[in-house]
Amino acid sequence: MTGSSKNKVTIVFDGYPDAGDSQIDSDIAIIYSRKISADDKIRKLLEESGNKKNIVVVSNDREIQDFVKMYGATAMGIEEFIGSDKQRSQKAGEDVSELKLTYTQMQKVNDEFRKLWLK
């Protein structure tokens, strides 16, 4: 999912985790911003990071994109990120129209969305 075992993925959500919240995947870190906004948490993580040129922040928020670029990291919109992933898959000879999640993966994603949106 991350393209390489050396790549780290961090997802930042607003607020606090629900009791018993678990990771989606062992390769993905999930951070809840708690008392500050997710945008502020992303800013703080970027400011504290070492090699900013190796960081890609995916967000459609123009203010976050501008901040990320100002700090020397790469900013991408969601559609751009998804499109670049499809392009990489096509270059590798994969048929992206046939990429599917397993039932277990779909359940995990649905459970996460239920926790966030159906409180």
Protein backbone atom coordinates (compact mmCIF):
# COMPACT_ATOMS: atom_id res chain seq x y z
CA MET A 1 0.00 0.00 0.00
CA THR A 2 2.84 2.44 0.77
CA GLY A 3 4.87 1.62 -2.34
CA SER A 4 7.88 0.53 -0.29
CA SER A 5 8.48 -0.94 3.13
CA LYS A 6 10.61 2.15 3.86
CA ASN A 7 7.65 4.50 3.40
CA LYS A 8 5.53 5.49 6.39
CA VAL A 9 1.89 6.51 6.17
CA THR A 10 0.31 8.63 8.88
CA ILE A 11 -3.38 9.55 8.89
CA VAL A 12 -4.42 12.47 11.08
CA PHE A 13 -8.02 12.69 12.32
CA ASP A 14 -9.64 15.47 14.34
CA GLY A 15 -10.62 14.72 17.93
CA TYR A 16 -10.12 11.70 20.13
CA PRO A 17 -10.17 7.99 19.30
CA ASP A 18 -13.13 5.89 20.36
CA ALA A 19 -12.53 3.38 23.14
CA GLY A 20 -10.99 0.23 21.71
CA ASP A 21 -9.88 1.93 18.50
CA SER A 22 -7.38 -0.15 16.59
CA GLN A 23 -4.99 0.33 13.71
CA ILE A 24 -6.28 -0.22 10.16
CA ASP A 25 -2.99 -1.76 9.12
CA SER A 26 0.38 -2.22 10.80
CA ASP A 27 2.00 -0.02 8.10
CA ILE A 28 -0.33 2.91 8.81
CA ALA A 29 -0.06 5.14 11.87
CA ILE A 30 -3.31 6.77 12.94
CA ILE A 31 -3.05 9.95 14.98
CA TYR A 32 -5.94 11.81 16.59
CA SER A 33 -5.35 15.52 17.03
CA ARG A 34 -7.12 15.61 20.42
CA LYS A 35 -7.46 19.22 21.67
CA ILE A 36 -6.12 20.86 18.50
CA SER A 37 -7.35 20.61 14.92
CA ALA A 38 -6.03 17.97 12.54
CA ASP A 39 -4.63 20.82 10.43
CA ASP A 40 -2.65 22.15 13.40
CA LYS A 41 -1.42 18.63 14.17
CA ILE A 42 -0.23 18.22 10.56
CA ARG A 43 1.58 21.58 10.81
CA LYS A 44 3.25 20.52 14.08
CA LEU A 45 4.31 17.14 12.67
CA LEU A 46 5.81 18.84 9.63
CA GLU A 47 7.65 21.45 11.70
CA GLU A 48 9.15 18.68 13.89
CA SER A 49 10.13 16.40 11.02
CA GLY A 50 13.66 16.05 9.73
CA ASN A 51 13.91 15.71 5.98
CA LYS A 52 10.90 17.64 4.72
CA LYS A 53 11.68 17.06 1.04
CA ASN A 54 10.75 13.38 1.54
CA ILE A 55 7.32 14.19 2.97
CA VAL A 56 4.10 14.19 0.95
CA VAL A 57 0.95 15.60 2.54
CA VAL A 58 -2.34 14.67 0.89
CA SER A 59 -5.11 17.18 1.55
CA ASN A 60 -7.59 19.25 -0.43
CA ASP A 61 -7.26 22.06 2.11
CA ARG A 62 -5.54 24.93 0.26
CA GLU A 63 -4.19 26.46 3.48
CA ILE A 64 -2.49 23.18 4.45
CA GLN A 65 -1.13 22.75 0.92
CA ASP A 66 0.41 26.24 1.03
CA PHE A 67 1.92 25.61 4.47
CA VAL A 68 3.39 22.28 3.34
CA LYS A 69 4.98 23.85 0.27
CA MET A 70 6.36 26.73 2.36
CA TYR A 71 8.15 24.17 4.54
CA GLY A 72 9.71 22.43 1.52
CA ALA A 73 7.53 19.31 1.51
CA THR A 74 5.23 18.14 -1.28
CA ALA A 75 1.49 18.82 -1.18
CA MET A 76 -1.04 16.89 -3.27
CA GLY A 77 -4.78 17.03 -3.55
CA ILE A 78 -6.67 13.80 -3.01
CA GLU A 79 -7.60 13.36 -6.67
CA GLU A 80 -4.00 14.01 -7.71
CA PHE A 81 -2.76 11.44 -5.20
CA ILE A 82 -5.25 8.80 -6.30
CA GLY A 83 -4.50 9.55 -9.95
CA SER A 84 -0.74 9.25 -9.42
CA ASP A 85 -1.28 5.90 -7.68
CA LYS A 86 -3.30 4.67 -10.66
CA GLN A 87 -0.60 5.91 -13.06
CA ARG A 88 2.11 4.04 -11.12
CA SER A 89 0.01 0.87 -11.19
CA GLN A 90 -0.57 1.20 -14.92
CA LYS A 91 3.15 1.76 -15.55
CA ALA A 92 3.85 -1.40 -13.56
CA GLY A 93 1.46 -3.29 -15.85
CA GLU A 94 -1.33 -3.69 -13.32
CA ASP A 95 -4.91 -3.39 -14.45
CA VAL A 96 -6.25 -0.90 -11.89
CA SER A 97 -9.84 -1.63 -12.84
CA GLU A 98 -9.33 -5.10 -11.36
CA LEU A 99 -7.79 -3.96 -8.04
CA LYS A 100 -10.15 -5.02 -5.28
CA LEU A 101 -10.17 -5.07 -1.51
CA THR A 102 -10.69 -8.31 0.33
CA TYR A 103 -13.87 -8.69 2.35
CA THR A 104 -11.87 -8.25 5.58
CA GLN A 105 -10.25 -5.05 4.29
CA MET A 106 -13.65 -3.66 3.25
CA GLN A 107 -15.05 -4.46 6.71
CA LYS A 108 -12.15 -2.66 8.41
CA VAL A 109 -12.62 0.43 6.26
CA ASN A 110 -16.39 0.41 6.80
CA ASP A 111 -15.94 0.01 10.56
CA GLU A 112 -13.59 3.01 10.66
CA PHE A 113 -16.06 5.15 8.71
CA ARG A 114 -18.94 4.05 10.97
CA LYS A 115 -16.94 5.10 14.03
CA LEU A 116 -16.22 8.50 12.54
CA TRP A 117 -19.53 9.38 10.93
CA LEU A 118 -22.25 7.44 12.71
CA LYS A 119 -21.54 8.47 16.28
